[in-house]
Amino acid sequence: LQLAADDPRISAVVAAESFSDLRTVATDRAPFLFTRGMIEKSFRLAEDKGRFRIEDASPLLASRSIKCPVLVIHGADDVDTRPDHAERIFNALNGPKRLLLVPGAAHNQSLNSGSTWSEIETWIDSVTSR
C-alpha cells in the first residue's frame, strides 16, 4: 500500500492482513505485555535505530493517495490485528476498491481458503481487463 501511494507504475494492489498504522497495531497488541511508557520508549528507540518516524509506517495514510484499484483482504475473526484496521484502510481509499472480510479466518489465515484465491483471481481479472 505504501509503495502504491508513491509509485505510478503500480496498476493494482492486493493487500492482505494489513494494519492501519504501526502505532495503533503496536499499542493494541502490547498492553498485555508492556506499559505505555515502555511502548513509547520502544518507539523512540526504533525511530533512532531505524532512522524513520513511527507515523510514517502507515498504510492508512498512504491509502489516501493511491489511485489504482485495491483489494483489501482481512480475516473477519482476527483478534491480533482486528478487521477494523482493514475497514479504515478501505474507507480511506479514493480509487476503485473492494473489501473482502473472510468469515472464520483468524490472524494471517485469510489466504488459506480456496474461495479467497478465487475471489482474488476474479478481482484481478476485473481490474486488468479495463
N, C-alpha and C. Protein backbone atom coordinates (compact mmCIF):
# COMPACT_ATOMS: atom_id res chain seq x y z
N LEU A 1 0.82 -1.19 0.00
CA LEU A 1 0.00 0.00 0.00
C LEU A 1 0.86 1.25 0.00
N GLN A 2 1.89 1.24 0.84
CA GLN A 2 2.71 2.45 0.92
C GLN A 2 3.48 2.69 -0.37
N LEU A 3 3.94 1.65 -1.02
CA LEU A 3 4.64 1.81 -2.29
C LEU A 3 3.68 2.29 -3.37
N ALA A 4 2.47 1.76 -3.38
CA ALA A 4 1.48 2.14 -4.40
C ALA A 4 1.12 3.62 -4.31
N ALA A 5 1.23 4.20 -3.14
CA ALA A 5 0.93 5.62 -2.98
C ALA A 5 1.97 6.50 -3.68
N ASP A 6 3.18 5.97 -3.84
CA ASP A 6 4.29 6.77 -4.39
C ASP A 6 4.74 6.36 -5.78
N ASP A 7 4.33 5.19 -6.24
CA ASP A 7 4.86 4.66 -7.50
C ASP A 7 3.74 4.49 -8.53
N PRO A 8 3.67 5.36 -9.52
CA PRO A 8 2.59 5.29 -10.51
C PRO A 8 2.66 4.06 -11.41
N ARG A 9 3.76 3.32 -11.37
CA ARG A 9 3.86 2.11 -12.18
C ARG A 9 2.99 0.98 -11.63
N ILE A 10 2.59 1.07 -10.39
CA ILE A 10 1.77 0.02 -9.78
C ILE A 10 0.34 0.19 -10.27
N SER A 11 -0.20 -0.86 -10.88
CA SER A 11 -1.52 -0.74 -11.51
C SER A 11 -2.64 -1.37 -10.70
N ALA A 12 -2.30 -2.14 -9.66
CA ALA A 12 -3.32 -2.73 -8.78
C ALA A 12 -2.62 -3.27 -7.54
N VAL A 13 -3.38 -3.35 -6.43
CA VAL A 13 -2.83 -3.85 -5.17
C VAL A 13 -3.80 -4.84 -4.55
N VAL A 14 -3.26 -5.98 -4.10
CA VAL A 14 -4.00 -6.88 -3.23
C VAL A 14 -3.31 -6.78 -1.88
N ALA A 15 -4.01 -6.25 -0.89
CA ALA A 15 -3.45 -6.04 0.45
C ALA A 15 -4.12 -7.00 1.42
N ALA A 16 -3.34 -7.95 1.92
CA ALA A 16 -3.89 -8.96 2.83
C ALA A 16 -3.37 -8.74 4.24
N GLU A 17 -4.29 -8.70 5.19
CA GLU A 17 -3.97 -8.66 6.62
C GLU A 17 -3.16 -7.44 7.03
N SER A 18 -3.39 -6.31 6.41
CA SER A 18 -2.62 -5.12 6.73
C SER A 18 -3.09 -4.46 8.03
N PHE A 19 -2.15 -3.84 8.72
CA PHE A 19 -2.51 -2.98 9.85
C PHE A 19 -2.68 -1.57 9.32
N SER A 20 -3.44 -0.74 10.03
CA SER A 20 -3.67 0.63 9.56
C SER A 20 -2.45 1.51 9.77
N ASP A 21 -1.82 1.40 10.92
CA ASP A 21 -0.57 2.11 11.17
C ASP A 21 0.16 1.42 12.32
N LEU A 22 1.47 1.58 12.33
CA LEU A 22 2.31 0.85 13.29
C LEU A 22 1.99 1.23 14.73
N ARG A 23 1.77 2.50 14.99
CA ARG A 23 1.48 2.92 16.36
C ARG A 23 0.21 2.25 16.89
N THR A 24 -0.84 2.23 16.08
CA THR A 24 -2.11 1.65 16.52
C THR A 24 -1.99 0.15 16.75
N VAL A 25 -1.40 -0.57 15.81
CA VAL A 25 -1.32 -2.02 15.96
C VAL A 25 -0.43 -2.39 17.14
N ALA A 26 0.65 -1.65 17.34
CA ALA A 26 1.54 -1.95 18.46
C ALA A 26 0.87 -1.67 19.80
N THR A 27 0.17 -0.55 19.90
CA THR A 27 -0.47 -0.23 21.18
C THR A 27 -1.69 -1.11 21.42
N ASP A 28 -2.34 -1.58 20.35
CA ASP A 28 -3.45 -2.52 20.52
C ASP A 28 -2.97 -3.85 21.09
N ARG A 29 -1.82 -4.31 20.62
CA ARG A 29 -1.35 -5.64 20.97
C ARG A 29 -0.47 -5.68 22.21
N ALA A 30 0.20 -4.58 22.53
CA ALA A 30 1.21 -4.60 23.58
C ALA A 30 0.72 -4.40 25.01
N PRO A 31 -0.47 -3.85 25.27
CA PRO A 31 -0.84 -3.58 26.66
C PRO A 31 -0.82 -4.80 27.56
N PHE A 32 -0.93 -5.96 26.97
CA PHE A 32 -0.91 -7.18 27.77
C PHE A 32 0.50 -7.53 28.20
N LEU A 33 1.49 -6.96 27.51
CA LEU A 33 2.89 -7.29 27.78
C LEU A 33 3.70 -6.14 28.35
N PHE A 34 3.37 -4.90 27.94
CA PHE A 34 4.20 -3.75 28.28
C PHE A 34 3.36 -2.58 28.78
N THR A 35 4.00 -1.70 29.57
CA THR A 35 3.34 -0.47 30.00
C THR A 35 3.38 0.54 28.85
N ARG A 36 2.57 1.57 28.94
CA ARG A 36 2.53 2.62 27.92
C ARG A 36 3.91 3.27 27.77
N GLY A 37 4.57 3.50 28.89
CA GLY A 37 5.91 4.11 28.86
C GLY A 37 6.92 3.24 28.14
N MET A 38 6.84 1.93 28.35
CA MET A 38 7.75 1.01 27.67
C MET A 38 7.49 1.01 26.16
N ILE A 39 6.22 1.10 25.80
CA ILE A 39 5.87 1.13 24.37
C ILE A 39 6.44 2.38 23.72
N GLU A 40 6.24 3.54 24.36
CA GLU A 40 6.74 4.80 23.80
C GLU A 40 8.27 4.79 23.71
N LYS A 41 8.93 4.26 24.73
CA LYS A 41 10.39 4.18 24.69
C LYS A 41 10.84 3.27 23.54
N SER A 42 10.13 2.19 23.32
CA SER A 42 10.45 1.29 22.20
C SER A 42 10.28 1.99 20.86
N PHE A 43 9.23 2.79 20.75
CA PHE A 43 9.02 3.56 19.51
C PHE A 43 10.19 4.51 19.26
N ARG A 44 10.60 5.25 20.30
CA ARG A 44 11.71 6.20 20.14
C ARG A 44 12.99 5.47 19.74
N LEU A 45 13.25 4.33 20.37
CA LEU A 45 14.44 3.55 20.05
C LEU A 45 14.39 3.05 18.60
N ALA A 46 13.24 2.56 18.18
CA ALA A 46 13.08 2.08 16.80
C ALA A 46 13.29 3.22 15.80
N GLU A 47 12.75 4.39 16.12
CA GLU A 47 12.93 5.55 15.24
C GLU A 47 14.40 5.94 15.13
N ASP A 48 15.10 5.95 16.27
CA ASP A 48 16.51 6.31 16.26
C ASP A 48 17.35 5.29 15.50
N LYS A 49 17.16 4.04 15.80
CA LYS A 49 17.96 2.98 15.16
C LYS A 49 17.60 2.80 13.69
N GLY A 50 16.32 2.89 13.38
CA GLY A 50 15.87 2.66 12.01
C GLY A 50 15.84 3.90 11.14
N ARG A 51 16.06 5.05 11.75
CA ARG A 51 16.04 6.34 11.04
C ARG A 51 14.73 6.55 10.27
N PHE A 52 13.64 6.36 10.98
CA PHE A 52 12.32 6.62 10.40
C PHE A 52 11.40 7.11 11.51
N ARG A 53 10.25 7.62 11.11
CA ARG A 53 9.25 8.05 12.08
C ARG A 53 8.15 7.00 12.14
N ILE A 54 7.73 6.64 13.34
CA ILE A 54 6.66 5.65 13.52
C ILE A 54 5.43 6.05 12.72
N GLU A 55 5.12 7.33 12.71
CA GLU A 55 3.93 7.81 11.99
C GLU A 55 4.00 7.54 10.49
N ASP A 56 5.23 7.39 9.96
CA ASP A 56 5.38 7.12 8.53
C ASP A 56 5.06 5.67 8.17
N ALA A 57 5.04 4.80 9.15
CA ALA A 57 4.67 3.39 8.91
C ALA A 57 3.15 3.30 8.99
N SER A 58 2.49 3.82 7.95
CA SER A 58 1.04 3.94 7.98
C SER A 58 0.40 3.65 6.63
N PRO A 59 0.03 2.40 6.39
CA PRO A 59 -0.74 2.10 5.19
C PRO A 59 -2.02 2.93 5.10
N LEU A 60 -2.58 3.29 6.25
CA LEU A 60 -3.80 4.10 6.26
C LEU A 60 -3.56 5.47 5.62
N LEU A 61 -2.52 6.17 6.04
CA LEU A 61 -2.21 7.47 5.44
C LEU A 61 -1.87 7.34 3.96
N ALA A 62 -1.12 6.31 3.62
CA ALA A 62 -0.75 6.10 2.22
C ALA A 62 -1.97 5.83 1.36
N SER A 63 -2.95 5.16 1.91
CA SER A 63 -4.15 4.78 1.14
C SER A 63 -4.87 5.98 0.56
N ARG A 64 -4.78 7.10 1.21
CA ARG A 64 -5.46 8.30 0.73
C ARG A 64 -4.91 8.79 -0.61
N SER A 65 -3.68 8.39 -0.94
CA SER A 65 -3.03 8.85 -2.17
C SER A 65 -3.04 7.82 -3.29
N ILE A 66 -3.52 6.63 -3.02
CA ILE A 66 -3.48 5.56 -4.03
C ILE A 66 -4.56 5.79 -5.08
N LYS A 67 -4.16 5.70 -6.32
CA LYS A 67 -5.09 5.90 -7.44
C LYS A 67 -5.52 4.59 -8.09
N CYS A 68 -4.70 3.56 -7.99
CA CYS A 68 -5.00 2.30 -8.66
C CYS A 68 -6.03 1.48 -7.86
N PRO A 69 -6.64 0.47 -8.48
CA PRO A 69 -7.60 -0.39 -7.77
C PRO A 69 -6.91 -1.15 -6.63
N VAL A 70 -7.64 -1.31 -5.53
CA VAL A 70 -7.11 -2.01 -4.36
C VAL A 70 -8.14 -3.01 -3.84
N LEU A 71 -7.68 -4.24 -3.62
CA LEU A 71 -8.48 -5.26 -2.95
C LEU A 71 -7.90 -5.42 -1.55
N VAL A 72 -8.71 -5.14 -0.53
CA VAL A 72 -8.29 -5.24 0.86
C VAL A 72 -8.90 -6.52 1.43
N ILE A 73 -8.04 -7.42 1.93
CA ILE A 73 -8.48 -8.72 2.46
C ILE A 73 -8.08 -8.81 3.93
N HIS A 74 -8.98 -9.31 4.75
CA HIS A 74 -8.68 -9.47 6.17
C HIS A 74 -9.53 -10.58 6.77
N GLY A 75 -8.99 -11.27 7.74
CA GLY A 75 -9.76 -12.29 8.45
C GLY A 75 -10.80 -11.65 9.35
N ALA A 76 -12.04 -12.06 9.19
CA ALA A 76 -13.13 -11.48 9.98
C ALA A 76 -12.99 -11.81 11.47
N ASP A 77 -12.29 -12.90 11.78
CA ASP A 77 -12.13 -13.32 13.17
C ASP A 77 -10.72 -13.06 13.72
N ASP A 78 -10.00 -12.14 13.11
CA ASP A 78 -8.65 -11.81 13.55
C ASP A 78 -8.72 -10.97 14.83
N VAL A 79 -8.19 -11.50 15.91
CA VAL A 79 -8.19 -10.76 17.18
C VAL A 79 -6.82 -10.12 17.44
N ASP A 80 -5.82 -10.47 16.65
CA ASP A 80 -4.49 -9.87 16.82
C ASP A 80 -4.39 -8.53 16.11
N THR A 81 -4.78 -8.50 14.86
CA THR A 81 -4.89 -7.25 14.10
C THR A 81 -6.34 -7.20 13.65
N ARG A 82 -7.14 -6.49 14.39
CA ARG A 82 -8.60 -6.52 14.20
C ARG A 82 -9.01 -6.08 12.79
N PRO A 83 -10.14 -6.58 12.32
CA PRO A 83 -10.64 -6.22 10.99
C PRO A 83 -10.89 -4.73 10.80
N ASP A 84 -11.06 -3.98 11.88
CA ASP A 84 -11.29 -2.54 11.70
C ASP A 84 -10.06 -1.83 11.10
N HIS A 85 -8.89 -2.44 11.21
CA HIS A 85 -7.72 -1.88 10.51
C HIS A 85 -7.98 -1.89 9.00
N ALA A 86 -8.45 -3.03 8.49
CA ALA A 86 -8.75 -3.15 7.06
C ALA A 86 -9.89 -2.22 6.66
N GLU A 87 -10.87 -2.10 7.52
CA GLU A 87 -12.02 -1.23 7.22
C GLU A 87 -11.59 0.23 7.13
N ARG A 88 -10.69 0.66 8.02
CA ARG A 88 -10.20 2.04 7.97
C ARG A 88 -9.41 2.29 6.68
N ILE A 89 -8.57 1.33 6.31
CA ILE A 89 -7.82 1.47 5.06
C ILE A 89 -8.79 1.55 3.88
N PHE A 90 -9.75 0.65 3.85
CA PHE A 90 -10.74 0.63 2.76
C PHE A 90 -11.46 1.98 2.66
N ASN A 91 -11.88 2.51 3.79
CA ASN A 91 -12.61 3.78 3.79
C ASN A 91 -11.74 4.96 3.36
N ALA A 92 -10.43 4.86 3.54
CA ALA A 92 -9.52 5.94 3.15
C ALA A 92 -9.19 5.93 1.66
N LEU A 93 -9.39 4.81 1.01
CA LEU A 93 -9.08 4.70 -0.42
C LEU A 93 -10.03 5.54 -1.24
N ASN A 94 -9.50 6.23 -2.23
CA ASN A 94 -10.32 7.09 -3.09
C ASN A 94 -10.61 6.49 -4.45
N GLY A 95 -9.79 5.54 -4.87
CA GLY A 95 -9.96 4.93 -6.18
C GLY A 95 -10.85 3.71 -6.11
N PRO A 96 -10.85 2.91 -7.19
CA PRO A 96 -11.61 1.66 -7.20
C PRO A 96 -11.13 0.75 -6.07
N LYS A 97 -12.07 0.17 -5.36
CA LYS A 97 -11.69 -0.62 -4.19
C LYS A 97 -12.71 -1.70 -3.90
N ARG A 98 -12.24 -2.73 -3.17
CA ARG A 98 -13.12 -3.80 -2.71
C ARG A 98 -12.59 -4.29 -1.38
N LEU A 99 -13.49 -4.56 -0.45
CA LEU A 99 -13.14 -5.10 0.86
C LEU A 99 -13.65 -6.52 0.96
N LEU A 100 -12.77 -7.45 1.30
CA LEU A 100 -13.14 -8.85 1.49
C LEU A 100 -12.77 -9.26 2.90
N LEU A 101 -13.78 -9.37 3.77
CA LEU A 101 -13.57 -9.89 5.12
C LEU A 101 -13.90 -11.38 5.08
N VAL A 102 -12.91 -12.22 5.35
CA VAL A 102 -13.06 -13.66 5.19
C VAL A 102 -13.65 -14.26 6.47
N PRO A 103 -14.89 -14.78 6.39
CA PRO A 103 -15.54 -15.35 7.57
C PRO A 103 -14.73 -16.52 8.14
N GLY A 104 -14.60 -16.56 9.46
CA GLY A 104 -13.92 -17.66 10.13
C GLY A 104 -12.41 -17.59 10.10
N ALA A 105 -11.85 -16.61 9.41
CA ALA A 105 -10.39 -16.51 9.29
C ALA A 105 -9.82 -15.70 10.45
N ALA A 106 -8.87 -16.32 11.17
CA ALA A 106 -8.18 -15.66 12.27
C ALA A 106 -6.95 -14.93 11.71
N HIS A 107 -6.04 -14.54 12.60
CA HIS A 107 -4.86 -13.78 12.20
C HIS A 107 -4.02 -14.53 11.17
N ASN A 108 -3.73 -13.85 10.07
CA ASN A 108 -2.94 -14.40 8.96
C ASN A 108 -3.52 -15.68 8.37
N GLN A 109 -4.82 -15.82 8.40
CA GLN A 109 -5.46 -17.01 7.84
C GLN A 109 -6.36 -16.71 6.64
N SER A 110 -6.49 -15.47 6.26
CA SER A 110 -7.44 -15.11 5.21
C SER A 110 -7.08 -15.69 3.85
N LEU A 111 -5.81 -15.98 3.62
CA LEU A 111 -5.40 -16.52 2.33
C LEU A 111 -5.38 -18.04 2.30
N ASN A 112 -5.80 -18.67 3.38
CA ASN A 112 -5.80 -20.13 3.46
C ASN A 112 -7.03 -20.77 2.86
N SER A 113 -7.90 -19.99 2.33
CA SER A 113 -9.15 -20.50 1.77
C SER A 113 -9.09 -20.48 0.25
N GLY A 114 -9.50 -21.59 -0.36
CA GLY A 114 -9.57 -21.63 -1.81
C GLY A 114 -10.52 -20.60 -2.37
N SER A 115 -11.59 -20.32 -1.64
CA SER A 115 -12.54 -19.33 -2.13
C SER A 115 -11.93 -17.92 -2.14
N THR A 116 -11.02 -17.65 -1.21
CA THR A 116 -10.34 -16.36 -1.20
C THR A 116 -9.50 -16.21 -2.46
N TRP A 117 -8.78 -17.24 -2.83
CA TRP A 117 -7.96 -17.18 -4.04
C TRP A 117 -8.82 -17.03 -5.28
N SER A 118 -9.97 -17.66 -5.28
CA SER A 118 -10.89 -17.50 -6.40
C SER A 118 -11.37 -16.04 -6.49
N GLU A 119 -11.67 -15.45 -5.34
CA GLU A 119 -12.08 -14.03 -5.29
C GLU A 119 -10.96 -13.12 -5.80
N ILE A 120 -9.72 -13.43 -5.41
CA ILE A 120 -8.58 -12.63 -5.85
C ILE A 120 -8.44 -12.72 -7.37
N GLU A 121 -8.51 -13.93 -7.90
CA GLU A 121 -8.38 -14.10 -9.36
C GLU A 121 -9.47 -13.35 -10.11
N THR A 122 -10.70 -13.45 -9.62
CA THR A 122 -11.81 -12.74 -10.26
C THR A 122 -11.59 -11.24 -10.22
N TRP A 123 -11.14 -10.74 -9.08
CA TRP A 123 -10.90 -9.30 -8.93
C TRP A 123 -9.78 -8.84 -9.85
N ILE A 124 -8.68 -9.60 -9.89
CA ILE A 124 -7.56 -9.22 -10.77
C ILE A 124 -8.02 -9.20 -12.22
N ASP A 125 -8.79 -10.20 -12.62
CA ASP A 125 -9.32 -10.22 -13.99
C ASP A 125 -10.17 -8.98 -14.26
N SER A 126 -10.96 -8.58 -13.28
CA SER A 126 -11.86 -7.43 -13.48
C SER A 126 -11.11 -6.11 -13.60
N VAL A 127 -10.01 -5.96 -12.89
CA VAL A 127 -9.28 -4.68 -12.94
C VAL A 127 -8.22 -4.64 -14.02
N THR A 128 -7.82 -5.79 -14.53
CA THR A 128 -6.80 -5.79 -15.58
C THR A 128 -7.41 -5.86 -16.98
N SER A 129 -8.70 -6.06 -17.05
CA SER A 129 -9.35 -6.15 -18.36
C SER A 129 -9.85 -4.79 -18.83
N ARG A 130 -9.53 -3.74 -18.10
CA ARG A 130 -10.00 -2.39 -18.44
C ARG A 130 -9.28 -1.83 -19.63
